[in-house]
Amino acid sequence: MLAAGTAVVLLVQGPYADGRSLITVFDPGLLGATLSTRLGYALLARLVLVVVLGVVFLIAVGRPSPAAGPEPAGPISAGPEPAGAARRIVLPAVAAAGAVAMTLTWTLADHAQSGTQIWLAVPATSLHLLAMALWLGGLVALAVCVLAPAAKRGPALLSLEPALPRFSRLALLCFAVIAGTGLYLSWRQVGTWGALGGTDFGRLLLGKLAVVLGVLALASGARRFVQRRDRARRAAAAPAAPAAPRDPGAALRGLRRSVAGEVVLGLVVVSITAVLVGTAPARTSYAPPVDATVPFPAAATASGPYGGLRGGSIQVKIEPARPGGNTADIYLIGRDGTLVPVPEISGALESRDRAVPALPVTVTAAEPGHYVAGSMSIPYPGEWALRLDIRVSDFDETRVRVPFTAH
């Protein structure tokens, strides 16, 4: 499945990047363009590693040759046979190195290679993937055993007695690694609390977190089952201990439900993660709303009902502060903290470097002292200033500029 999926991604990446139809998947030019990118190198390396690990697996599960003789049943006093030593040392070492190298084909071609702290992000992402693979891969193997047909429920439980506690300890370690690296990677890609709900990446991450919490709830139930089972086994082995009634079928029902639920939710987590990889990180896509306050110009003359503006301030809120349509709320706050209405406000959007002429902005009154520019269009990201021409009397007008950054 991994080899097939990698080959499909390698073939469709060219048409996807070039905006072509899928009938061009075998176009040599597009395939060559893909293979010249970092993603292409990673996919090609992944295919090679799949072949290497496949060969290692076939050798590992193959039967020993007759010349090698049977495996020793007890402690080895004389040196092991060369073929047996290769199986016990060389193959696991090659498999472990291949597994670590396999994770790098993802982490060296995704978000870990962009942004800050790349030196830490790559190993953290690799550990995250390895822990996830150990937990979910072991869980799938466990599910095949505990979700056996009804006739095999009892023997399956008995054969799992040594494996269940070991997997439970491994899963606990994997969850600790997943949680630690996941928190760091989330902070690195999100940056601020507002970006969690304000970006697609943040919302996907919150959904992934909700599913992970469901996995943890199921895993804690399975862990309690394993601990109870282990205590009962030790108690039954104690001298003069009364024989406890055993009902393997009933004992398996809760574990089977838990393991099945963990597998399903684990696949959901992997699916959300695959979407996250192709989504712009929240740290780069999130634009916090502008909330700026500038003092009302001291030189401005305001008399009569508008005299309260002297010593006051102007508060401007711009959302979402991105290229495209934006809304600006303007509050004229007097020196006593109350909103002060004025006869008229007009506005214009100016680029900080004067690269484009000033763009007119229509400002309307929402309530006394509160004015809104509901259709302020920002052409491109960068440094801008909202210029406000405030008429404070029949004859006097003052000009205020509010600088801001559009992301």
Protein backbone atom coordinates (compact mmCIF):
# COMPACT_ATOMS: atom_id res chain seq x y z
CA MET A 1 0.00 0.00 0.00
CA LEU A 2 2.83 2.40 0.82
CA ALA A 3 4.62 1.64 -2.44
CA ALA A 4 1.43 2.06 -4.48
CA GLY A 5 0.49 5.30 -2.72
CA THR A 6 3.97 6.73 -3.18
CA ALA A 7 3.99 5.84 -6.87
CA VAL A 8 0.58 7.49 -7.38
CA VAL A 9 1.71 10.69 -5.65
CA LEU A 10 4.89 10.72 -7.74
CA LEU A 11 2.88 10.43 -10.96
CA VAL A 12 0.09 12.91 -10.19
CA GLN A 13 2.30 15.60 -8.64
CA GLY A 14 3.38 16.87 -12.08
CA PRO A 15 -0.14 17.36 -13.51
CA TYR A 16 -1.32 18.81 -10.19
CA ALA A 17 1.49 21.38 -10.02
CA ASP A 18 1.15 22.29 -13.71
CA GLY A 19 -2.64 22.46 -13.72
CA ARG A 20 -2.94 19.67 -16.29
CA SER A 21 -5.41 16.80 -16.52
CA LEU A 22 -4.71 13.33 -15.17
CA ILE A 23 -4.21 11.90 -18.66
CA THR A 24 -0.73 13.48 -18.56
CA VAL A 25 0.47 11.47 -15.53
CA PHE A 26 2.97 9.57 -17.70
CA ASP A 27 4.29 12.66 -19.46
CA PRO A 28 8.11 12.36 -19.22
CA GLY A 29 8.51 16.11 -18.99
CA LEU A 30 6.17 16.43 -16.01
CA LEU A 31 7.70 13.40 -14.31
CA GLY A 32 11.18 14.82 -14.81
CA ALA A 33 10.07 18.16 -13.37
CA THR A 34 8.71 16.38 -10.28
CA LEU A 35 11.90 14.37 -9.82
CA SER A 36 13.94 17.58 -9.86
CA THR A 37 12.16 18.93 -6.76
CA ARG A 38 12.70 18.19 -3.09
CA LEU A 39 9.37 16.35 -2.99
CA GLY A 40 10.41 14.23 -5.97
CA TYR A 41 13.68 13.27 -4.27
CA ALA A 42 11.75 12.33 -1.12
CA LEU A 43 9.23 10.19 -3.03
CA LEU A 44 11.98 8.40 -4.96
CA ALA A 45 13.93 7.73 -1.75
CA ARG A 46 10.73 6.41 -0.16
CA LEU A 47 10.23 3.93 -2.99
CA VAL A 48 13.81 2.70 -2.63
CA LEU A 49 13.37 2.30 1.14
CA VAL A 50 10.12 0.39 0.63
CA VAL A 51 11.98 -2.10 -1.56
CA VAL A 52 14.84 -2.43 0.96
CA LEU A 53 12.51 -2.90 3.92
CA GLY A 54 10.41 -5.36 1.90
CA VAL A 55 13.49 -7.50 1.23
CA VAL A 56 14.51 -7.31 4.89
CA PHE A 57 11.02 -8.38 5.92
CA LEU A 58 10.97 -11.33 3.54
CA ILE A 59 14.36 -12.52 4.84
CA ALA A 60 13.29 -12.04 8.46
CA VAL A 61 10.11 -14.08 8.17
CA GLY A 62 11.67 -16.75 5.97
CA ARG A 63 12.56 -20.12 7.40
CA PRO A 64 16.18 -20.71 8.40
CA SER A 65 18.14 -22.77 5.92
CA PRO A 66 18.77 -26.43 6.91
CA ALA A 67 22.50 -25.78 7.02
CA ALA A 68 22.04 -23.18 9.70
CA GLY A 69 20.45 -25.73 12.01
CA PRO A 70 17.65 -25.10 14.50
CA GLU A 71 17.66 -22.02 16.70
CA PRO A 72 19.02 -22.74 20.18
CA ALA A 73 16.34 -23.10 22.81
CA GLY A 74 18.38 -21.96 25.78
CA PRO A 75 21.16 -19.51 26.57
CA ILE A 76 23.89 -19.44 23.95
CA SER A 77 27.19 -20.61 25.38
CA ALA A 78 29.14 -21.05 22.16
CA GLY A 79 29.05 -18.40 19.47
CA PRO A 80 25.85 -18.26 17.38
CA GLU A 81 25.82 -19.40 13.81
CA PRO A 82 26.60 -16.61 11.30
CA ALA A 83 23.16 -16.90 9.68
CA GLY A 84 21.43 -16.72 13.07
CA ALA A 85 23.52 -13.72 14.09
CA ALA A 86 22.49 -11.93 10.89
CA ARG A 87 18.85 -12.55 11.65
CA ARG A 88 19.12 -11.39 15.25
CA ILE A 89 21.40 -8.35 14.77
CA VAL A 90 21.86 -7.23 11.18
CA LEU A 91 18.25 -7.45 10.01
CA PRO A 92 16.75 -5.55 12.99
CA ALA A 93 19.47 -2.90 12.66
CA VAL A 94 18.78 -2.44 8.94
CA ALA A 95 15.02 -2.36 9.61
CA ALA A 96 15.40 0.27 12.36
CA ALA A 97 17.67 2.44 10.19
CA GLY A 98 15.24 2.09 7.29
CA ALA A 99 12.30 3.10 9.48
CA VAL A 100 14.10 6.23 10.68
CA ALA A 101 15.15 7.08 7.12
CA MET A 102 11.57 6.52 5.96
CA THR A 103 10.26 9.23 8.30
CA LEU A 104 12.79 11.69 6.87
CA THR A 105 11.15 11.34 3.45
CA TRP A 106 8.19 13.17 4.97
CA THR A 107 9.86 15.57 7.37
CA LEU A 108 12.41 16.82 4.84
CA ALA A 109 9.66 17.67 2.35
CA ASP A 110 6.86 19.20 4.44
CA HIS A 111 6.25 22.09 6.89
CA ALA A 112 9.18 21.00 9.05
CA GLN A 113 11.52 22.41 6.38
CA SER A 114 9.95 25.88 6.48
CA GLY A 115 9.69 28.49 9.19
CA THR A 116 11.78 28.85 12.32
CA GLN A 117 13.87 26.30 14.26
CA ILE A 118 14.24 23.84 11.38
CA TRP A 119 17.11 22.20 13.28
CA LEU A 120 14.61 21.17 15.99
CA ALA A 121 11.47 20.79 13.87
CA VAL A 122 12.87 18.01 11.66
CA PRO A 123 13.85 15.62 14.52
CA ALA A 124 10.69 16.50 16.47
CA THR A 125 8.48 15.73 13.46
CA SER A 126 10.41 12.50 12.83
CA LEU A 127 9.90 11.39 16.43
CA HIS A 128 6.23 12.30 16.16
CA LEU A 129 5.84 10.12 13.06
CA LEU A 130 7.81 7.21 14.53
CA ALA A 131 5.77 7.22 17.74
CA MET A 132 2.54 7.38 15.74
CA ALA A 133 3.67 4.49 13.53
CA LEU A 134 4.68 2.31 16.49
CA TRP A 135 1.38 2.93 18.28
CA LEU A 136 -0.98 2.64 15.29
CA GLY A 137 0.99 -0.15 13.62
CA GLY A 138 1.07 -2.21 16.80
CA LEU A 139 -2.61 -1.44 17.35
CA VAL A 140 -3.55 -2.79 13.94
CA ALA A 141 -1.60 -6.00 14.64
CA LEU A 142 -3.33 -6.26 18.01
CA ALA A 143 -6.73 -5.66 16.42
CA VAL A 144 -6.21 -8.59 14.04
CA CYS A 145 -5.80 -10.85 17.09
CA VAL A 146 -8.51 -9.52 19.41
CA LEU A 147 -11.06 -9.07 16.63
CA ALA A 148 -10.78 -12.77 15.73
CA PRO A 149 -13.86 -14.93 15.02
CA ALA A 150 -15.93 -16.05 17.98
CA ALA A 151 -14.43 -19.54 17.99
CA LYS A 152 -10.96 -18.12 18.54
CA ARG A 153 -11.72 -15.55 21.22
CA GLY A 154 -10.50 -17.64 24.11
CA PRO A 155 -7.22 -18.84 22.55
CA ALA A 156 -6.57 -15.35 21.19
CA LEU A 157 -6.78 -13.87 24.67
CA LEU A 158 -4.50 -16.53 26.12
CA SER A 159 -1.92 -16.06 23.36
CA LEU A 160 -1.97 -12.29 23.91
CA GLU A 161 -1.16 -12.50 27.61
CA PRO A 162 2.56 -11.67 27.21
CA ALA A 163 1.99 -9.22 24.33
CA LEU A 164 -0.76 -7.08 25.87
CA PRO A 165 1.28 -5.69 28.80
CA ARG A 166 4.26 -5.04 26.53
CA PHE A 167 2.15 -3.19 23.99
CA SER A 168 0.43 -1.24 26.77
CA ARG A 169 3.81 0.04 28.02
CA LEU A 170 4.96 0.82 24.48
CA ALA A 171 1.73 2.68 23.72
CA LEU A 172 2.10 4.78 26.88
CA LEU A 173 5.63 5.77 25.83
CA CYS A 174 4.43 6.55 22.30
CA PHE A 175 1.62 8.76 23.60
CA ALA A 176 4.09 10.68 25.75
CA VAL A 177 6.31 11.30 22.72
CA ILE A 178 3.31 12.20 20.52
CA ALA A 179 2.01 14.67 23.12
CA GLY A 180 5.38 16.34 23.72
CA THR A 181 6.36 16.70 20.08
CA GLY A 182 2.80 17.56 19.07
CA LEU A 183 2.64 20.49 21.49
CA TYR A 184 5.91 21.88 20.18
CA LEU A 185 4.97 21.43 16.52
CA SER A 186 1.53 22.99 17.11
CA TRP A 187 3.11 26.04 18.75
CA ARG A 188 5.61 26.31 15.89
CA GLN A 189 2.97 26.20 13.16
CA VAL A 190 0.23 28.21 14.94
CA GLY A 191 2.04 30.80 17.05
CA THR A 192 -0.96 32.55 18.66
CA TRP A 193 -4.23 31.50 20.25
CA GLY A 194 -6.24 33.59 17.78
CA ALA A 195 -4.84 31.61 14.86
CA LEU A 196 -6.44 28.40 16.17
CA GLY A 197 -9.94 29.56 15.34
CA GLY A 198 -9.01 32.09 12.69
CA THR A 199 -7.34 29.82 10.11
CA ASP A 200 -8.13 26.55 8.32
CA PHE A 201 -4.92 25.08 9.74
CA GLY A 202 -5.93 25.96 13.30
CA ARG A 203 -9.45 24.56 12.92
CA LEU A 204 -8.08 21.32 11.47
CA LEU A 205 -5.64 21.12 14.37
CA LEU A 206 -8.48 21.56 16.88
CA GLY A 207 -10.40 18.78 15.14
CA LYS A 208 -7.34 16.54 15.30
CA LEU A 209 -6.97 17.31 19.01
CA ALA A 210 -10.60 16.34 19.65
CA VAL A 211 -10.08 12.99 17.91
CA VAL A 212 -6.83 12.38 19.81
CA LEU A 213 -8.66 12.99 23.10
CA GLY A 214 -11.17 10.33 22.05
CA VAL A 215 -8.28 7.94 21.33
CA LEU A 216 -6.82 8.66 24.77
CA ALA A 217 -10.15 7.89 26.43
CA LEU A 218 -10.37 4.53 24.67
CA ALA A 219 -6.69 3.79 25.31
CA SER A 220 -7.05 4.47 29.04
CA GLY A 221 -9.93 1.98 29.19
CA ALA A 222 -7.86 -0.65 27.39
CA ARG A 223 -4.91 0.01 29.69
CA ARG A 224 -7.10 -0.50 32.78
CA PHE A 225 -8.29 -3.79 31.26
CA VAL A 226 -4.69 -4.95 30.74
CA GLN A 227 -3.71 -3.96 34.28
CA ARG A 228 -6.68 -5.79 35.80
CA ARG A 229 -5.91 -8.82 33.67
CA ASP A 230 -2.26 -8.77 34.74
CA ARG A 231 -3.16 -8.48 38.44
CA ALA A 232 -5.64 -11.33 38.13
CA ARG A 233 -3.03 -13.51 36.42
CA ARG A 234 -0.48 -12.86 39.17
CA ALA A 235 -3.07 -13.51 41.87
CA ALA A 236 -4.07 -16.80 40.26
CA ALA A 237 -0.41 -17.87 40.17
CA ALA A 238 0.06 -17.17 43.89
CA PRO A 239 0.21 -20.23 46.23
CA ALA A 240 -3.10 -21.26 47.79
CA ALA A 241 -4.91 -18.66 45.70
CA PRO A 242 -8.51 -19.62 44.90
CA ALA A 243 -9.13 -20.27 41.24
CA ALA A 244 -10.98 -17.34 39.75
CA PRO A 245 -13.67 -18.06 37.20
CA ARG A 246 -12.44 -17.21 33.74
CA ASP A 247 -14.64 -16.03 30.91
CA PRO A 248 -12.33 -15.14 28.02
CA GLY A 249 -15.24 -14.27 25.74
CA ALA A 250 -16.70 -11.74 28.18
CA ALA A 251 -13.26 -10.32 28.96
CA LEU A 252 -12.54 -9.76 25.28
CA ARG A 253 -15.70 -7.83 24.48
CA GLY A 254 -14.59 -4.59 26.12
CA LEU A 255 -11.07 -4.86 24.72
CA ARG A 256 -12.35 -5.58 21.21
CA ARG A 257 -14.56 -2.50 21.26
CA SER A 258 -11.74 -0.34 22.58
CA VAL A 259 -9.16 -1.58 20.06
CA ALA A 260 -11.58 -1.24 17.14
CA GLY A 261 -12.43 2.31 18.21
CA GLU A 262 -8.75 3.21 18.57
CA VAL A 263 -7.98 1.90 15.08
CA VAL A 264 -10.83 3.86 13.49
CA LEU A 265 -9.97 7.08 15.32
CA GLY A 266 -6.28 6.57 14.58
CA LEU A 267 -7.07 6.43 10.86
CA VAL A 268 -9.09 9.65 11.24
CA VAL A 269 -6.09 11.30 12.92
CA VAL A 270 -3.80 10.20 10.07
CA SER A 271 -6.32 11.52 7.51
CA ILE A 272 -6.54 14.93 9.21
CA THR A 273 -2.74 15.04 9.40
CA ALA A 274 -2.51 14.38 5.65
CA VAL A 275 -4.80 17.38 5.04
CA LEU A 276 -2.76 19.52 7.46
CA VAL A 277 0.42 18.83 5.50
CA GLY A 278 -1.15 20.45 2.44
CA THR A 279 -2.59 23.44 4.36
CA ALA A 280 -0.75 26.71 4.86
CA PRO A 281 0.53 26.93 8.45
CA ALA A 282 -1.51 29.21 10.69
CA ARG A 283 1.57 31.22 11.65
CA THR A 284 1.92 32.45 8.05
CA SER A 285 -1.75 32.64 7.04
CA TYR A 286 -3.17 34.29 10.16
CA ALA A 287 -3.55 38.05 10.16
CA PRO A 288 -4.51 39.45 13.59
CA PRO A 289 -7.08 42.26 13.44
CA VAL A 290 -5.70 45.78 13.69
CA ASP A 291 -6.58 47.64 16.89
CA ALA A 292 -4.75 50.98 16.99
CA THR A 293 -5.32 54.11 19.08
CA VAL A 294 -3.79 57.47 18.18
CA PRO A 295 -4.16 60.76 20.08
CA PHE A 296 -6.34 63.45 18.63
CA PRO A 297 -4.03 66.20 17.28
CA ALA A 298 -3.45 68.81 19.94
CA ALA A 299 -3.30 71.56 17.33
CA ALA A 300 -6.80 70.79 16.11
CA THR A 301 -9.38 73.35 17.05
CA ALA A 302 -12.63 71.97 18.31
CA SER A 303 -15.21 74.19 19.86
CA GLY A 304 -18.79 73.97 20.92
CA PRO A 305 -20.16 70.42 21.16
CA TYR A 306 -16.92 69.04 19.66
CA GLY A 307 -14.56 70.60 22.18
CA GLY A 308 -14.38 67.31 24.06
CA LEU A 309 -12.12 65.90 21.34
CA ARG A 310 -9.22 68.07 22.48
CA GLY A 311 -7.11 65.72 24.60
CA GLY A 312 -9.05 62.69 23.34
CA SER A 313 -8.08 59.86 20.99
CA ILE A 314 -9.12 57.97 17.87
CA GLN A 315 -9.44 54.18 18.00
CA VAL A 316 -9.43 52.23 14.74
CA LYS A 317 -10.18 48.49 14.38
CA ILE A 318 -9.59 46.84 10.98
CA GLU A 319 -10.62 43.25 10.21
CA PRO A 320 -9.30 40.98 8.83
CA ALA A 321 -6.35 43.22 7.84
CA ARG A 322 -5.66 41.18 4.71
CA PRO A 323 -5.68 41.93 0.99
CA GLY A 324 -9.25 42.19 -0.23
CA GLY A 325 -12.35 43.50 1.46
CA ASN A 326 -11.95 44.84 5.00
CA THR A 327 -14.08 46.60 7.59
CA ALA A 328 -12.79 49.51 9.64
CA ASP A 329 -14.51 50.68 12.85
CA ILE A 330 -13.57 54.20 13.93
CA TYR A 331 -14.29 55.54 17.43
CA LEU A 332 -13.80 59.19 18.40
CA ILE A 333 -13.17 59.11 22.15
CA GLY A 334 -13.24 62.34 24.15
CA ARG A 335 -10.95 63.20 27.03
CA ASP A 336 -13.66 62.02 29.45
CA GLY A 337 -13.91 58.59 27.73
CA THR A 338 -17.22 59.20 25.96
CA LEU A 339 -17.85 58.97 22.22
CA VAL A 340 -17.94 62.35 20.50
CA PRO A 341 -19.79 62.78 17.19
CA VAL A 342 -18.48 65.09 14.47
CA PRO A 343 -20.18 66.57 11.42
CA GLU A 344 -18.31 64.47 8.88
CA ILE A 345 -15.46 62.01 8.35
CA SER A 346 -13.92 61.06 5.03
CA GLY A 347 -11.11 58.59 4.51
CA ALA A 348 -8.46 57.32 2.14
CA LEU A 349 -6.11 54.34 2.06
CA GLU A 350 -2.47 55.24 1.48
CA SER A 351 0.48 52.94 0.89
CA ARG A 352 3.40 53.68 3.14
CA ASP A 353 5.84 53.90 0.20
CA ARG A 354 3.37 55.86 -1.96
CA ALA A 355 3.63 53.15 -4.62
CA VAL A 356 -0.06 53.60 -5.50
CA PRO A 357 -2.23 56.73 -5.32
CA ALA A 358 -4.51 57.17 -2.33
CA LEU A 359 -7.64 55.03 -2.57
CA PRO A 360 -10.88 56.66 -1.38
CA VAL A 361 -12.63 55.02 1.57
CA THR A 362 -16.32 55.64 2.26
CA VAL A 363 -17.01 56.27 5.96
CA THR A 364 -20.55 56.29 7.36
CA ALA A 365 -21.91 56.92 10.85
CA ALA A 366 -22.99 53.82 12.77
CA GLU A 367 -23.88 55.67 15.99
CA PRO A 368 -22.84 58.99 17.54
CA GLY A 369 -19.04 58.93 17.74
CA HIS A 370 -18.77 55.53 15.98
CA TYR A 371 -18.08 55.42 12.23
CA VAL A 372 -17.65 52.46 9.87
CA ALA A 373 -15.84 51.92 6.58
CA GLY A 374 -17.58 48.75 5.45
CA SER A 375 -15.97 48.26 2.04
CA MET A 376 -12.33 49.21 2.44
CA SER A 377 -10.36 47.23 -0.17
CA ILE A 378 -6.64 46.57 0.41
CA PRO A 379 -4.88 45.77 -2.90
CA TYR A 380 -1.90 43.81 -1.59
CA PRO A 381 -0.11 42.98 1.68
CA GLY A 382 2.31 45.45 3.16
CA GLU A 383 2.49 48.67 5.14
CA TRP A 384 -0.55 50.94 4.84
CA ALA A 385 -2.08 53.96 6.52
CA LEU A 386 -5.75 54.85 6.90
CA ARG A 387 -6.03 58.61 6.47
CA LEU A 388 -9.00 60.21 8.20
CA ASP A 389 -10.13 63.76 7.42
CA ILE A 390 -12.28 64.75 10.40
CA ARG A 391 -14.39 67.91 10.16
CA VAL A 392 -14.72 69.16 13.72
CA SER A 393 -16.74 72.29 12.94
CA ASP A 394 -18.31 74.12 10.03
CA PHE A 395 -14.92 75.56 9.08
CA ASP A 396 -12.23 73.39 10.74
CA GLU A 397 -10.91 69.99 9.61
CA THR A 398 -8.08 67.90 10.97
CA ARG A 399 -6.21 65.04 9.33
CA VAL A 400 -5.10 61.87 11.14
CA ARG A 401 -3.16 58.90 9.76
CA VAL A 402 -3.41 55.46 11.36
CA PRO A 403 -0.61 53.14 10.18
CA PHE A 404 -1.15 49.36 10.03
CA THR A 405 0.18 46.20 8.35
CA ALA A 406 -1.86 44.02 6.02
CA HIS A 407 -0.67 40.39 6.02
